[in-house]
Amino acid sequence: MRASGACQPAESFAASAAGLLFCNRDLRNVRPGDLLASGTISGPGPDSRGCLLVITWNGRDPVRLDGEERVWLENGDRVMMTGYCQGDGYRVGFGEVSGTILPAY
């Protein structure tokens, strides 16, 4: 399966600064090298939705992946994620992580 979209929200910089301030309140120390995560970031349109839950609009709008319609991940699905950050003249990759969805029992 493969789903993709493009999203580059300018607001993420402001949200990141606010998140950093939140993490530092009450003497919680954030140090160089600490990883801060934003959660799912979606853009304004259907082609820039950030996760399967949002892409399918909470299961209402199925998507076609590898020839079949899907709204949720299922047992046995393999999920692979990669990420990078880029700017003028540089690109930093974060590698790949993958896993297989297993039954909840």
N, C-alpha and C. Protein backbone atom coordinates (compact mmCIF):
# COMPACT_ATOMS: atom_id res chain seq x y z
N MET A 1 0.84 -1.17 0.00
CA MET A 1 0.00 0.00 0.00
C MET A 1 0.88 1.23 0.00
N ARG A 2 0.38 2.30 -0.59
CA ARG A 2 1.13 3.54 -0.60
C ARG A 2 0.15 4.69 -0.72
N ALA A 3 0.24 5.62 0.18
CA ALA A 3 -0.54 6.85 0.12
C ALA A 3 0.44 7.99 0.24
N SER A 4 0.19 9.06 -0.46
CA SER A 4 1.11 10.18 -0.36
C SER A 4 0.35 11.48 -0.53
N GLY A 5 0.94 12.54 -0.08
CA GLY A 5 0.37 13.87 -0.20
C GLY A 5 1.46 14.88 0.07
N ALA A 6 1.18 16.12 -0.21
CA ALA A 6 2.16 17.17 0.03
C ALA A 6 1.59 18.17 1.00
N CYS A 7 2.36 18.51 2.00
CA CYS A 7 1.91 19.46 3.00
C CYS A 7 3.11 20.21 3.53
N GLN A 8 3.08 21.53 3.46
CA GLN A 8 4.15 22.34 4.01
C GLN A 8 3.53 23.53 4.74
N PRO A 9 2.86 23.28 5.87
CA PRO A 9 2.18 24.36 6.56
C PRO A 9 3.14 25.34 7.21
N ALA A 10 3.01 26.61 6.88
CA ALA A 10 3.87 27.64 7.47
C ALA A 10 3.63 27.76 8.96
N GLU A 11 2.43 27.41 9.41
CA GLU A 11 2.10 27.55 10.83
C GLU A 11 2.88 26.58 11.70
N SER A 12 3.49 25.54 11.13
CA SER A 12 4.17 24.55 11.95
C SER A 12 5.33 25.16 12.73
N PHE A 13 5.95 26.22 12.20
CA PHE A 13 7.03 26.87 12.93
C PHE A 13 6.52 27.49 14.22
N ALA A 14 5.38 28.17 14.15
CA ALA A 14 4.80 28.78 15.35
C ALA A 14 4.37 27.70 16.33
N ALA A 15 3.79 26.62 15.83
CA ALA A 15 3.35 25.53 16.70
C ALA A 15 4.55 24.87 17.37
N SER A 16 5.66 24.74 16.66
CA SER A 16 6.86 24.15 17.24
C SER A 16 7.40 25.01 18.37
N ALA A 17 7.41 26.32 18.17
CA ALA A 17 7.89 27.22 19.23
C ALA A 17 6.99 27.13 20.45
N ALA A 18 5.67 27.09 20.24
CA ALA A 18 4.74 26.97 21.36
C ALA A 18 4.93 25.64 22.08
N GLY A 19 5.17 24.56 21.33
CA GLY A 19 5.40 23.26 21.94
C GLY A 19 6.68 23.25 22.77
N LEU A 20 7.71 23.90 22.27
CA LEU A 20 8.97 23.98 23.02
C LEU A 20 8.77 24.75 24.32
N LEU A 21 8.03 25.85 24.25
CA LEU A 21 7.74 26.61 25.47
C LEU A 21 6.95 25.77 26.46
N PHE A 22 5.97 25.01 25.97
CA PHE A 22 5.17 24.15 26.84
C PHE A 22 6.04 23.11 27.52
N CYS A 23 6.96 22.50 26.77
CA CYS A 23 7.82 21.46 27.33
C CYS A 23 8.78 22.02 28.38
N ASN A 24 9.11 23.28 28.29
CA ASN A 24 10.06 23.88 29.23
C ASN A 24 9.39 24.49 30.46
N ARG A 25 8.09 24.53 30.51
CA ARG A 25 7.43 25.10 31.69
C ARG A 25 7.62 24.15 32.88
N ASP A 26 7.44 24.63 34.03
CA ASP A 26 7.57 23.84 35.26
C ASP A 26 8.92 23.12 35.36
N LEU A 27 9.97 23.74 34.84
CA LEU A 27 11.34 23.23 34.94
C LEU A 27 11.56 21.89 34.27
N ARG A 28 10.76 21.57 33.25
CA ARG A 28 11.04 20.38 32.44
C ARG A 28 12.13 20.77 31.44
N ASN A 29 13.26 20.17 31.55
CA ASN A 29 14.38 20.58 30.71
C ASN A 29 14.32 19.92 29.35
N VAL A 30 14.46 20.72 28.31
CA VAL A 30 14.63 20.23 26.95
C VAL A 30 16.08 20.50 26.59
N ARG A 31 16.76 19.44 26.16
CA ARG A 31 18.18 19.55 25.88
C ARG A 31 18.46 19.33 24.41
N PRO A 32 19.63 19.77 23.93
CA PRO A 32 20.00 19.51 22.54
C PRO A 32 19.92 18.02 22.25
N GLY A 33 19.32 17.67 21.13
CA GLY A 33 19.18 16.28 20.75
C GLY A 33 17.84 15.69 21.11
N ASP A 34 17.06 16.34 22.00
CA ASP A 34 15.73 15.85 22.33
C ASP A 34 14.84 15.93 21.10
N LEU A 35 13.97 14.96 20.93
CA LEU A 35 13.06 14.90 19.79
C LEU A 35 11.69 15.42 20.19
N LEU A 36 11.19 16.39 19.45
CA LEU A 36 9.85 16.92 19.67
C LEU A 36 8.99 16.48 18.49
N ALA A 37 7.82 15.95 18.74
CA ALA A 37 6.93 15.50 17.67
C ALA A 37 5.68 16.37 17.63
N SER A 38 5.20 16.62 16.44
CA SER A 38 4.05 17.50 16.26
C SER A 38 2.73 16.75 16.15
N GLY A 39 2.78 15.44 15.99
CA GLY A 39 1.56 14.72 15.68
C GLY A 39 1.29 14.83 14.19
N THR A 40 0.07 14.59 13.79
CA THR A 40 -0.28 14.64 12.38
C THR A 40 -0.45 16.08 11.93
N ILE A 41 0.20 16.43 10.83
CA ILE A 41 0.04 17.76 10.24
C ILE A 41 -0.61 17.57 8.88
N SER A 42 -1.79 18.12 8.70
CA SER A 42 -2.50 18.05 7.43
C SER A 42 -2.56 19.43 6.80
N GLY A 43 -2.68 19.44 5.48
CA GLY A 43 -2.84 20.69 4.75
C GLY A 43 -4.31 21.00 4.55
N PRO A 44 -4.60 22.01 3.76
CA PRO A 44 -5.98 22.47 3.59
C PRO A 44 -6.87 21.59 2.72
N GLY A 45 -6.29 20.75 1.86
CA GLY A 45 -7.11 19.98 0.93
C GLY A 45 -6.96 18.49 1.10
N PRO A 46 -7.82 17.72 0.43
CA PRO A 46 -7.78 16.25 0.53
C PRO A 46 -6.44 15.64 0.11
N ASP A 47 -5.70 16.28 -0.80
CA ASP A 47 -4.43 15.73 -1.25
C ASP A 47 -3.29 15.97 -0.26
N SER A 48 -3.57 16.69 0.82
CA SER A 48 -2.52 16.96 1.80
C SER A 48 -2.92 16.53 3.21
N ARG A 49 -3.84 15.59 3.28
CA ARG A 49 -4.22 15.04 4.59
C ARG A 49 -3.10 14.17 5.10
N GLY A 50 -2.87 14.20 6.43
CA GLY A 50 -1.66 13.65 7.00
C GLY A 50 -1.66 12.23 7.50
N CYS A 51 -2.79 11.56 7.63
CA CYS A 51 -2.78 10.18 8.11
C CYS A 51 -4.01 9.47 7.54
N LEU A 52 -4.04 8.14 7.64
CA LEU A 52 -5.13 7.37 7.05
C LEU A 52 -6.48 7.74 7.65
N LEU A 53 -6.51 8.03 8.95
CA LEU A 53 -7.76 8.43 9.59
C LEU A 53 -8.31 9.71 8.96
N VAL A 54 -7.44 10.67 8.70
CA VAL A 54 -7.86 11.94 8.12
C VAL A 54 -8.07 11.79 6.61
N ILE A 55 -7.21 11.01 5.94
CA ILE A 55 -7.36 10.79 4.49
C ILE A 55 -8.73 10.20 4.18
N THR A 56 -9.19 9.27 5.01
CA THR A 56 -10.50 8.63 4.78
C THR A 56 -11.64 9.35 5.47
N TRP A 57 -11.32 10.48 6.08
CA TRP A 57 -12.32 11.29 6.79
C TRP A 57 -13.06 10.45 7.81
N ASN A 58 -12.25 9.81 8.71
CA ASN A 58 -12.74 8.94 9.78
C ASN A 58 -13.50 7.73 9.25
N GLY A 59 -13.02 7.18 8.13
CA GLY A 59 -13.61 5.97 7.57
C GLY A 59 -14.76 6.19 6.62
N ARG A 60 -15.16 7.43 6.40
CA ARG A 60 -16.29 7.73 5.54
C ARG A 60 -15.96 7.63 4.05
N ASP A 61 -14.73 8.02 3.68
CA ASP A 61 -14.32 8.08 2.27
C ASP A 61 -13.18 7.10 2.01
N PRO A 62 -13.48 5.90 1.55
CA PRO A 62 -12.41 4.91 1.30
C PRO A 62 -11.39 5.43 0.27
N VAL A 63 -10.17 4.93 0.38
CA VAL A 63 -9.13 5.23 -0.60
C VAL A 63 -8.74 3.94 -1.29
N ARG A 64 -8.23 4.06 -2.50
CA ARG A 64 -7.79 2.89 -3.25
C ARG A 64 -6.30 2.75 -3.08
N LEU A 65 -5.88 1.62 -2.48
CA LEU A 65 -4.47 1.32 -2.24
C LEU A 65 -4.19 -0.07 -2.77
N ASP A 66 -3.25 -0.16 -3.70
CA ASP A 66 -2.88 -1.44 -4.31
C ASP A 66 -4.09 -2.20 -4.84
N GLY A 67 -5.02 -1.50 -5.48
CA GLY A 67 -6.15 -2.14 -6.13
C GLY A 67 -7.33 -2.46 -5.24
N GLU A 68 -7.28 -2.12 -3.97
CA GLU A 68 -8.43 -2.38 -3.11
C GLU A 68 -8.81 -1.11 -2.34
N GLU A 69 -10.10 -1.02 -1.98
CA GLU A 69 -10.56 0.11 -1.19
C GLU A 69 -10.33 -0.16 0.28
N ARG A 70 -9.78 0.83 0.98
CA ARG A 70 -9.47 0.68 2.39
C ARG A 70 -9.86 1.94 3.15
N VAL A 71 -10.20 1.78 4.41
CA VAL A 71 -10.43 2.92 5.29
C VAL A 71 -9.59 2.82 6.57
N TRP A 72 -9.13 1.61 6.91
CA TRP A 72 -8.36 1.40 8.13
C TRP A 72 -7.18 0.49 7.84
N LEU A 73 -6.20 0.51 8.72
CA LEU A 73 -5.15 -0.49 8.67
C LEU A 73 -5.73 -1.81 9.17
N GLU A 74 -5.22 -2.91 8.67
CA GLU A 74 -5.72 -4.23 9.06
C GLU A 74 -4.56 -5.10 9.52
N ASN A 75 -4.89 -6.14 10.29
CA ASN A 75 -3.87 -7.09 10.73
C ASN A 75 -3.08 -7.59 9.52
N GLY A 76 -1.78 -7.63 9.66
CA GLY A 76 -0.91 -8.09 8.58
C GLY A 76 -0.40 -6.97 7.68
N ASP A 77 -0.99 -5.78 7.76
CA ASP A 77 -0.50 -4.65 6.97
C ASP A 77 0.90 -4.27 7.44
N ARG A 78 1.75 -3.96 6.50
CA ARG A 78 3.10 -3.48 6.83
C ARG A 78 3.11 -1.98 6.60
N VAL A 79 3.56 -1.24 7.60
CA VAL A 79 3.61 0.22 7.53
C VAL A 79 5.07 0.65 7.50
N MET A 80 5.42 1.48 6.53
CA MET A 80 6.77 2.02 6.42
C MET A 80 6.69 3.53 6.40
N MET A 81 7.53 4.18 7.18
CA MET A 81 7.56 5.64 7.22
C MET A 81 8.98 6.13 7.04
N THR A 82 9.11 7.20 6.29
CA THR A 82 10.38 7.89 6.14
C THR A 82 10.10 9.38 6.33
N GLY A 83 11.11 10.11 6.66
CA GLY A 83 10.93 11.55 6.83
C GLY A 83 12.20 12.30 6.52
N TYR A 84 12.03 13.57 6.21
CA TYR A 84 13.18 14.43 5.97
C TYR A 84 12.76 15.88 6.19
N CYS A 85 13.76 16.69 6.36
CA CYS A 85 13.58 18.13 6.49
C CYS A 85 14.51 18.76 5.46
N GLN A 86 14.05 19.77 4.77
CA GLN A 86 14.92 20.38 3.78
C GLN A 86 14.73 21.89 3.75
N GLY A 87 15.75 22.53 3.25
CA GLY A 87 15.74 23.98 3.07
C GLY A 87 16.61 24.31 1.88
N ASP A 88 16.98 25.55 1.77
CA ASP A 88 17.81 25.99 0.65
C ASP A 88 19.18 25.33 0.70
N GLY A 89 19.41 24.41 -0.20
CA GLY A 89 20.72 23.77 -0.32
C GLY A 89 20.99 22.62 0.63
N TYR A 90 20.01 22.17 1.39
CA TYR A 90 20.26 21.03 2.27
C TYR A 90 19.01 20.17 2.41
N ARG A 91 19.26 18.93 2.77
CA ARG A 91 18.18 17.98 3.07
C ARG A 91 18.71 16.99 4.10
N VAL A 92 18.01 16.84 5.21
CA VAL A 92 18.41 15.95 6.28
C VAL A 92 17.38 14.83 6.37
N GLY A 93 17.83 13.59 6.20
CA GLY A 93 16.93 12.45 6.27
C GLY A 93 16.90 11.85 7.66
N PHE A 94 15.76 11.28 8.02
CA PHE A 94 15.61 10.66 9.33
C PHE A 94 15.54 9.14 9.23
N GLY A 95 15.84 8.58 8.06
CA GLY A 95 15.85 7.14 7.90
C GLY A 95 14.45 6.58 7.72
N GLU A 96 14.35 5.27 7.83
CA GLU A 96 13.08 4.57 7.64
C GLU A 96 12.76 3.73 8.88
N VAL A 97 11.50 3.66 9.21
CA VAL A 97 11.04 2.78 10.26
C VAL A 97 9.86 1.99 9.68
N SER A 98 9.76 0.71 10.03
CA SER A 98 8.66 -0.10 9.51
C SER A 98 8.21 -1.11 10.55
N GLY A 99 7.00 -1.57 10.37
CA GLY A 99 6.46 -2.57 11.27
C GLY A 99 5.23 -3.20 10.67
N THR A 100 4.79 -4.30 11.23
CA THR A 100 3.62 -5.02 10.76
C THR A 100 2.53 -4.95 11.82
N ILE A 101 1.30 -4.67 11.38
CA ILE A 101 0.15 -4.60 12.29
C ILE A 101 -0.19 -6.00 12.77
N LEU A 102 -0.21 -6.21 14.07
CA LEU A 102 -0.53 -7.51 14.66
C LEU A 102 -1.89 -7.46 15.35
N PRO A 103 -2.53 -8.60 15.52
CA PRO A 103 -3.82 -8.63 16.25
C PRO A 103 -3.65 -8.07 17.66
N ALA A 104 -4.72 -7.53 18.20
CA ALA A 104 -4.68 -6.89 19.52
C ALA A 104 -4.79 -7.87 20.67
N TYR A 105 -4.81 -9.15 20.43
CA TYR A 105 -4.95 -10.13 21.51
C TYR A 105 -3.65 -10.75 21.89
